[in-house]
Amino acid sequence: MKIIISLFLAITFISLTQADSLIPKNFEVLTFSSIKPNVVAFHDKEIKITVEGSASPLIYPLKKPKMFKRVSLKGKIKGKLNLPSPKKINQGDKGADDFTFRLGLVTEGKKTLNFFQRAIAPSWITKLYSLGKKARASGIKEIVFYNVVQEKSLLGKEREHPISELLKEKFIIAPNKEGEFEMTLTEKDLPDENIVALWISCDGDDTKSSYEISLSDITFVPLPSTP
């Protein structure tokens, strides 16, 4: 039996065909100590994120690890990133490492942090590992990000992020002239590992950019074997 999970960020719950639901405290806004956070607002079935030279991810830990068959969402961006000329620096490089939207899937793995590592790791690293614990996973492997790009020359490319081997990025879609985009990921696009959490990132701190993004119709379909 196919179970369809629909994540309505505006009211912070997931509606399942079996009527399971999330409680609001399971949907978290993570802030970085040295970076101004985004402004997040919920309206009906839509979430709006205002970026003003800022960055702060939205995190949703799953109750248990799951593999997904399909992930889809819609978005609309008002404004653009202040990217330098591509002849000087490319989007994603140091000084221009901003993307209007990244959908991250935190995958299950065997990596954990010992006491010393937890003591010295940046807050986002310790938070990442804690997501695996919340989903009762053995550990984490990485975050696989699916990015909306402003520089179309990046489309179809992917990389390991230079700041950490834990971050993988795939540059998969660009918005249309009206700033609209639809992201649909199927089994061939998605990780082969269980997912323990969702990680949504919108940033403008590197390029001192200001824009708004609206997200809606975010839908996750688990494989039948992971209800």
C-alpha atoms as a PDB file:
ATOM      1  CA  MET A   1       0.000   0.000   0.000  1.00  0.00           C
ATOM      2  CA  LYS A   2       1.420   3.348  -1.033  1.00  0.00           C
ATOM      3  CA  ILE A   3       1.640   5.845   1.812  1.00  0.00           C
ATOM      4  CA  ILE A   4       1.907   9.476   0.770  1.00  0.00           C
ATOM      5  CA  ILE A   5       3.441  11.919   3.194  1.00  0.00           C
ATOM      6  CA  SER A   6       2.622  15.574   2.605  1.00  0.00           C
ATOM      7  CA  LEU A   7       4.671  18.093   4.536  1.00  0.00           C
ATOM      8  CA  PHE A   8       2.812  21.350   5.046  1.00  0.00           C
ATOM      9  CA  LEU A   9       5.519  23.618   6.428  1.00  0.00           C
ATOM     10  CA  ALA A  10       3.016  26.415   7.068  1.00  0.00           C
ATOM     11  CA  ILE A  11       1.340  24.487   9.855  1.00  0.00           C
ATOM     12  CA  THR A  12       4.301  22.238  10.622  1.00  0.00           C
ATOM     13  CA  PHE A  13       2.756  18.832  10.349  1.00  0.00           C
ATOM     14  CA  ILE A  14       2.857  15.876   7.991  1.00  0.00           C
ATOM     15  CA  SER A  15      -0.434  14.416   6.861  1.00  0.00           C
ATOM     16  CA  LEU A  16      -0.253  10.688   6.170  1.00  0.00           C
ATOM     17  CA  THR A  17      -2.753   8.378   4.578  1.00  0.00           C
ATOM     18  CA  GLN A  18      -2.732   6.581   7.965  1.00  0.00           C
ATOM     19  CA  ALA A  19      -3.497   9.857   9.796  1.00  0.00           C
ATOM     20  CA  ASP A  20      -0.157  10.119  11.610  1.00  0.00           C
ATOM     21  CA  SER A  21       0.903  13.681  12.362  1.00  0.00           C
ATOM     22  CA  LEU A  22       3.839  15.688  13.640  1.00  0.00           C
ATOM     23  CA  ILE A  23       3.915  17.999  16.592  1.00  0.00           C
ATOM     24  CA  PRO A  24       5.232  21.548  15.987  1.00  0.00           C
ATOM     25  CA  LYS A  25       8.312  21.134  18.153  1.00  0.00           C
ATOM     26  CA  ASN A  26       9.637  18.546  15.693  1.00  0.00           C
ATOM     27  CA  PHE A  27      10.019  21.288  13.076  1.00  0.00           C
ATOM     28  CA  GLU A  28      13.054  23.364  13.953  1.00  0.00           C
ATOM     29  CA  VAL A  29      14.765  26.561  12.815  1.00  0.00           C
ATOM     30  CA  LEU A  30      18.506  26.279  13.261  1.00  0.00           C
ATOM     31  CA  THR A  31      20.557  29.445  13.686  1.00  0.00           C
ATOM     32  CA  PHE A  32      24.287  29.973  13.330  1.00  0.00           C
ATOM     33  CA  SER A  33      26.032  31.951  16.063  1.00  0.00           C
ATOM     34  CA  SER A  34      27.933  34.239  13.684  1.00  0.00           C
ATOM     35  CA  ILE A  35      25.311  34.681  10.929  1.00  0.00           C
ATOM     36  CA  LYS A  36      22.115  36.736  10.925  1.00  0.00           C
ATOM     37  CA  PRO A  37      19.097  34.377  10.684  1.00  0.00           C
ATOM     38  CA  ASN A  38      16.398  34.492   8.041  1.00  0.00           C
ATOM     39  CA  VAL A  39      12.870  35.622   8.857  1.00  0.00           C
ATOM     40  CA  VAL A  40      10.439  32.700   8.543  1.00  0.00           C
ATOM     41  CA  ALA A  41       6.651  33.137   8.317  1.00  0.00           C
ATOM     42  CA  PHE A  42       3.889  30.594   7.884  1.00  0.00           C
ATOM     43  CA  HIS A  43       0.739  31.417   5.897  1.00  0.00           C
ATOM     44  CA  ASP A  44      -1.984  28.844   5.367  1.00  0.00           C
ATOM     45  CA  LYS A  45      -0.290  26.058   3.329  1.00  0.00           C
ATOM     46  CA  GLU A  46       2.766  28.082   2.393  1.00  0.00           C
ATOM     47  CA  ILE A  47       6.023  29.036   4.027  1.00  0.00           C
ATOM     48  CA  LYS A  48       7.779  32.324   3.272  1.00  0.00           C
ATOM     49  CA  ILE A  49      11.439  32.915   3.982  1.00  0.00           C
ATOM     50  CA  THR A  50      12.911  36.411   3.884  1.00  0.00           C
ATOM     51  CA  VAL A  51      16.649  36.580   3.357  1.00  0.00           C
ATOM     52  CA  GLU A  52      18.520  39.818   4.093  1.00  0.00           C
ATOM     53  CA  GLY A  53      22.213  39.019   4.007  1.00  0.00           C
ATOM     54  CA  SER A  54      21.262  36.102   6.241  1.00  0.00           C
ATOM     55  CA  ALA A  55      21.118  32.313   6.458  1.00  0.00           C
ATOM     56  CA  SER A  56      19.401  29.768   8.708  1.00  0.00           C
ATOM     57  CA  PRO A  57      18.139  26.293   7.786  1.00  0.00           C
ATOM     58  CA  LEU A  58      14.802  24.665   8.541  1.00  0.00           C
ATOM     59  CA  ILE A  59      15.136  21.133   9.870  1.00  0.00           C
ATOM     60  CA  TYR A  60      12.600  18.347  10.162  1.00  0.00           C
ATOM     61  CA  PRO A  61      13.754  15.132  11.879  1.00  0.00           C
ATOM     62  CA  LEU A  62      11.879  11.982  10.892  1.00  0.00           C
ATOM     63  CA  LYS A  63      10.578   9.675  13.598  1.00  0.00           C
ATOM     64  CA  LYS A  64      12.479   6.799  12.027  1.00  0.00           C
ATOM     65  CA  PRO A  65      14.703   6.326   8.949  1.00  0.00           C
ATOM     66  CA  LYS A  66      12.862   5.989   5.639  1.00  0.00           C
ATOM     67  CA  MET A  67      13.720   5.547   1.976  1.00  0.00           C
ATOM     68  CA  PHE A  68      11.754   7.746  -0.403  1.00  0.00           C
ATOM     69  CA  LYS A  69      10.284   6.999  -3.802  1.00  0.00           C
ATOM     70  CA  ARG A  70       9.440  10.568  -4.762  1.00  0.00           C
ATOM     71  CA  VAL A  71       9.952  14.093  -3.467  1.00  0.00           C
ATOM     72  CA  SER A  72       8.342  17.170  -5.004  1.00  0.00           C
ATOM     73  CA  LEU A  73       7.703  20.821  -4.186  1.00  0.00           C
ATOM     74  CA  LYS A  74       6.939  24.223  -5.705  1.00  0.00           C
ATOM     75  CA  GLY A  75       8.667  27.505  -5.063  1.00  0.00           C
ATOM     76  CA  LYS A  76       8.680  31.149  -6.101  1.00  0.00           C
ATOM     77  CA  ILE A  77      11.561  33.572  -5.620  1.00  0.00           C
ATOM     78  CA  LYS A  78      11.233  37.361  -5.518  1.00  0.00           C
ATOM     79  CA  GLY A  79      14.619  38.955  -6.060  1.00  0.00           C
ATOM     80  CA  LYS A  80      18.043  37.586  -6.984  1.00  0.00           C
ATOM     81  CA  LEU A  81      21.416  36.903  -5.457  1.00  0.00           C
ATOM     82  CA  ASN A  82      24.103  39.562  -5.818  1.00  0.00           C
ATOM     83  CA  LEU A  83      26.488  37.234  -7.590  1.00  0.00           C
ATOM     84  CA  PRO A  84      29.814  38.525  -8.928  1.00  0.00           C
ATOM     85  CA  SER A  85      30.580  38.253 -12.627  1.00  0.00           C
ATOM     86  CA  PRO A  86      31.066  34.575 -13.583  1.00  0.00           C
ATOM     87  CA  LYS A  87      34.342  35.583 -15.204  1.00  0.00           C
ATOM     88  CA  LYS A  88      35.677  36.457 -11.752  1.00  0.00           C
ATOM     89  CA  ILE A  89      33.951  33.930  -9.520  1.00  0.00           C
ATOM     90  CA  ASN A  90      31.245  31.288  -9.955  1.00  0.00           C
ATOM     91  CA  GLN A  91      28.183  30.657  -7.824  1.00  0.00           C
ATOM     92  CA  GLY A  92      29.173  28.256  -5.073  1.00  0.00           C
ATOM     93  CA  ASP A  93      32.772  29.444  -4.878  1.00  0.00           C
ATOM     94  CA  LYS A  94      34.130  31.196  -1.808  1.00  0.00           C
ATOM     95  CA  GLY A  95      32.582  34.666  -1.720  1.00  0.00           C
ATOM     96  CA  ALA A  96      29.560  33.521  -3.742  1.00  0.00           C
ATOM     97  CA  ASP A  97      28.487  30.369  -1.900  1.00  0.00           C
ATOM     98  CA  ASP A  98      24.805  31.315  -1.735  1.00  0.00           C
ATOM     99  CA  PHE A  99      21.816  29.493  -3.214  1.00  0.00           C
ATOM    100  CA  THR A 100      18.214  30.681  -2.988  1.00  0.00           C
ATOM    101  CA  PHE A 101      17.053  27.150  -2.189  1.00  0.00           C
ATOM    102  CA  ARG A 102      18.692  23.912  -1.157  1.00  0.00           C
ATOM    103  CA  LEU A 103      16.650  20.832  -0.281  1.00  0.00           C
ATOM    104  CA  GLY A 104      18.841  18.580   1.839  1.00  0.00           C
ATOM    105  CA  LEU A 105      18.212  14.947   2.711  1.00  0.00           C
ATOM    106  CA  VAL A 106      20.201  13.714   5.705  1.00  0.00           C
ATOM    107  CA  THR A 107      21.124  10.082   5.056  1.00  0.00           C
ATOM    108  CA  GLU A 108      21.673   7.278   7.550  1.00  0.00           C
ATOM    109  CA  GLY A 109      25.181   5.898   7.955  1.00  0.00           C
ATOM    110  CA  LYS A 110      27.747   4.761  10.502  1.00  0.00           C
ATOM    111  CA  LYS A 111      29.366   8.095  11.378  1.00  0.00           C
ATOM    112  CA  THR A 112      29.003   9.277  14.963  1.00  0.00           C
ATOM    113  CA  LEU A 113      30.765  11.833  17.175  1.00  0.00           C
ATOM    114  CA  ASN A 114      32.768  10.927  20.254  1.00  0.00           C
ATOM    115  CA  PHE A 115      32.881  13.145  23.335  1.00  0.00           C
ATOM    116  CA  PHE A 116      35.917  15.137  22.176  1.00  0.00           C
ATOM    117  CA  GLN A 117      34.499  15.666  18.680  1.00  0.00           C
ATOM    118  CA  ARG A 118      31.200  16.897  20.116  1.00  0.00           C
ATOM    119  CA  ALA A 119      33.076  19.360  22.305  1.00  0.00           C
ATOM    120  CA  ILE A 120      34.960  21.029  19.445  1.00  0.00           C
ATOM    121  CA  ALA A 121      32.597  20.593  16.465  1.00  0.00           C
ATOM    122  CA  PRO A 122      30.642  23.571  15.051  1.00  0.00           C
ATOM    123  CA  SER A 123      27.016  23.702  16.191  1.00  0.00           C
ATOM    124  CA  TRP A 124      25.669  22.659  12.777  1.00  0.00           C
ATOM    125  CA  ILE A 125      27.804  19.501  12.881  1.00  0.00           C
ATOM    126  CA  THR A 126      26.559  18.478  16.328  1.00  0.00           C
ATOM    127  CA  LYS A 127      22.994  19.259  15.238  1.00  0.00           C
ATOM    128  CA  LEU A 128      23.408  17.103  12.152  1.00  0.00           C
ATOM    129  CA  TYR A 129      24.469  14.095  14.219  1.00  0.00           C
ATOM    130  CA  SER A 130      21.683  14.658  16.720  1.00  0.00           C
ATOM    131  CA  LEU A 131      19.157  14.289  13.882  1.00  0.00           C
ATOM    132  CA  GLY A 132      20.258  10.699  13.407  1.00  0.00           C
ATOM    133  CA  LYS A 133      19.652   9.996  17.081  1.00  0.00           C
ATOM    134  CA  LYS A 134      16.144  11.466  16.894  1.00  0.00           C
ATOM    135  CA  ALA A 135      15.314   9.106  14.031  1.00  0.00           C
ATOM    136  CA  ARG A 136      16.809   6.175  15.986  1.00  0.00           C
ATOM    137  CA  ALA A 137      19.452   5.716  13.287  1.00  0.00           C
ATOM    138  CA  SER A 138      22.824   4.058  13.828  1.00  0.00           C
ATOM    139  CA  GLY A 139      24.519   7.260  12.664  1.00  0.00           C
ATOM    140  CA  ILE A 140      24.606   9.585   9.673  1.00  0.00           C
ATOM    141  CA  LYS A 141      26.435   9.512   6.367  1.00  0.00           C
ATOM    142  CA  GLU A 142      25.961  12.956   4.785  1.00  0.00           C
ATOM    143  CA  ILE A 143      23.495  15.576   3.606  1.00  0.00           C
ATOM    144  CA  VAL A 144      22.637  15.360  -0.084  1.00  0.00           C
ATOM    145  CA  PHE A 145      21.479  18.781  -1.289  1.00  0.00           C
ATOM    146  CA  TYR A 146      19.403  19.468  -4.408  1.00  0.00           C
ATOM    147  CA  ASN A 147      19.997  23.086  -5.348  1.00  0.00           C
ATOM    148  CA  VAL A 148      18.137  25.741  -7.294  1.00  0.00           C
ATOM    149  CA  VAL A 149      20.806  27.679  -9.194  1.00  0.00           C
ATOM    150  CA  GLN A 150      20.991  31.205 -10.556  1.00  0.00           C
ATOM    151  CA  GLU A 151      23.944  30.453 -12.847  1.00  0.00           C
ATOM    152  CA  LYS A 152      22.546  28.014 -15.419  1.00  0.00           C
ATOM    153  CA  SER A 153      26.046  26.852 -16.356  1.00  0.00           C
ATOM    154  CA  LEU A 154      25.964  24.817 -13.116  1.00  0.00           C
ATOM    155  CA  LEU A 155      22.956  22.712 -14.159  1.00  0.00           C
ATOM    156  CA  GLY A 156      23.703  19.008 -14.233  1.00  0.00           C
ATOM    157  CA  LYS A 157      26.848  19.349 -12.132  1.00  0.00           C
ATOM    158  CA  GLU A 158      27.497  18.173  -8.583  1.00  0.00           C
ATOM    159  CA  ARG A 159      30.206  18.477  -5.956  1.00  0.00           C
ATOM    160  CA  GLU A 160      31.403  17.661  -2.473  1.00  0.00           C
ATOM    161  CA  HIS A 161      31.204  20.957  -0.625  1.00  0.00           C
ATOM    162  CA  PRO A 162      34.678  22.353   0.154  1.00  0.00           C
ATOM    163  CA  ILE A 163      33.863  23.017   3.832  1.00  0.00           C
ATOM    164  CA  SER A 164      32.959  19.405   4.657  1.00  0.00           C
ATOM    165  CA  GLU A 165      32.881  15.909   3.182  1.00  0.00           C
ATOM    166  CA  LEU A 166      29.468  15.582   4.874  1.00  0.00           C
ATOM    167  CA  LEU A 167      27.875  17.912   2.309  1.00  0.00           C
ATOM    168  CA  LYS A 168      27.111  16.785  -1.249  1.00  0.00           C
ATOM    169  CA  GLU A 169      25.392  19.136  -3.701  1.00  0.00           C
ATOM    170  CA  LYS A 170      23.565  18.536  -6.965  1.00  0.00           C
ATOM    171  CA  PHE A 171      22.663  21.539  -9.124  1.00  0.00           C
ATOM    172  CA  ILE A 172      19.408  20.454 -10.700  1.00  0.00           C
ATOM    173  CA  ILE A 173      17.063  23.318 -11.585  1.00  0.00           C
ATOM    174  CA  ALA A 174      16.838  27.057 -12.301  1.00  0.00           C
ATOM    175  CA  PRO A 175      13.739  29.232 -11.791  1.00  0.00           C
ATOM    176  CA  ASN A 176      11.875  30.659 -14.775  1.00  0.00           C
ATOM    177  CA  LYS A 177      11.710  34.373 -15.577  1.00  0.00           C
ATOM    178  CA  GLU A 178       8.958  34.843 -12.968  1.00  0.00           C
ATOM    179  CA  GLY A 179      11.127  33.204 -10.310  1.00  0.00           C
ATOM    180  CA  GLU A 180       9.003  30.046 -10.191  1.00  0.00           C
ATOM    181  CA  PHE A 181      10.298  26.480 -10.050  1.00  0.00           C
ATOM    182  CA  GLU A 182       9.026  22.953  -9.512  1.00  0.00           C
ATOM    183  CA  MET A 183      11.363  20.317  -8.124  1.00  0.00           C
ATOM    184  CA  THR A 184      10.521  16.649  -8.619  1.00  0.00           C
ATOM    185  CA  LEU A 185      12.916  13.931  -7.508  1.00  0.00           C
ATOM    186  CA  THR A 186      12.285  10.259  -8.273  1.00  0.00           C
ATOM    187  CA  GLU A 187      14.046   7.065  -7.174  1.00  0.00           C
ATOM    188  CA  LYS A 188      16.871   7.528  -9.674  1.00  0.00           C
ATOM    189  CA  ASP A 189      17.612  10.968  -8.182  1.00  0.00           C
ATOM    190  CA  LEU A 190      17.256  10.088  -4.505  1.00  0.00           C
ATOM    191  CA  PRO A 191      19.827   8.494  -2.159  1.00  0.00           C
ATOM    192  CA  ASP A 192      19.890   4.714  -1.817  1.00  0.00           C
ATOM    193  CA  GLU A 193      20.187   5.104   1.960  1.00  0.00           C
ATOM    194  CA  ASN A 194      17.478   5.752   4.525  1.00  0.00           C
ATOM    195  CA  ILE A 195      16.654   9.404   5.176  1.00  0.00           C
ATOM    196  CA  VAL A 196      16.672  10.543   8.811  1.00  0.00           C
ATOM    197  CA  ALA A 197      15.842  14.248   8.381  1.00  0.00           C
ATOM    198  CA  LEU A 198      15.041  17.043   5.924  1.00  0.00           C
ATOM    199  CA  TRP A 199      17.224  20.153   5.767  1.00  0.00           C
ATOM    200  CA  ILE A 200      15.978  23.245   3.903  1.00  0.00           C
ATOM    201  CA  SER A 201      18.482  26.030   3.371  1.00  0.00           C
ATOM    202  CA  CYS A 202      18.095  29.497   1.840  1.00  0.00           C
ATOM    203  CA  ASP A 203      21.054  31.848   2.165  1.00  0.00           C
ATOM    204  CA  GLY A 204      22.352  35.261   1.174  1.00  0.00           C
ATOM    205  CA  ASP A 205      25.046  35.917   3.767  1.00  0.00           C
ATOM    206  CA  ASP A 206      28.032  35.347   1.469  1.00  0.00           C
ATOM    207  CA  THR A 207      26.830  37.766  -1.232  1.00  0.00           C
ATOM    208  CA  LYS A 208      24.894  40.166   1.049  1.00  0.00           C
ATOM    209  CA  SER A 209      21.738  39.425  -0.936  1.00  0.00           C
ATOM    210  CA  SER A 210      18.080  40.139  -0.157  1.00  0.00           C
ATOM    211  CA  TYR A 211      15.168  38.117  -1.544  1.00  0.00           C
ATOM    212  CA  GLU A 212      11.986  36.285  -0.586  1.00  0.00           C
ATOM    213  CA  ILE A 213      11.094  32.690  -1.330  1.00  0.00           C
ATOM    214  CA  SER A 214       7.720  30.955  -0.979  1.00  0.00           C
ATOM    215  CA  LEU A 215       7.443  27.165  -0.742  1.00  0.00           C
ATOM    216  CA  SER A 216       4.358  25.008  -1.136  1.00  0.00           C
ATOM    217  CA  ASP A 217       3.120  21.533  -2.122  1.00  0.00           C
ATOM    218  CA  ILE A 218       6.060  19.762  -0.495  1.00  0.00           C
ATOM    219  CA  THR A 219       5.338  16.040  -0.847  1.00  0.00           C
ATOM    220  CA  PHE A 220       7.320  12.957   0.203  1.00  0.00           C
ATOM    221  CA  VAL A 221       6.388   9.416  -0.884  1.00  0.00           C
ATOM    222  CA  PRO A 222       8.199   6.659   1.067  1.00  0.00           C
ATOM    223  CA  LEU A 223       8.974   3.321  -0.563  1.00  0.00           C
ATOM    224  CA  PRO A 224       6.332   0.699   0.342  1.00  0.00           C
ATOM    225  CA  SER A 225       8.856  -1.154   2.491  1.00  0.00           C
ATOM    226  CA  THR A 226       9.346   1.899   4.766  1.00  0.00           C
ATOM    227  CA  PRO A 227       5.871   2.975   5.957  1.00  0.00           C
END
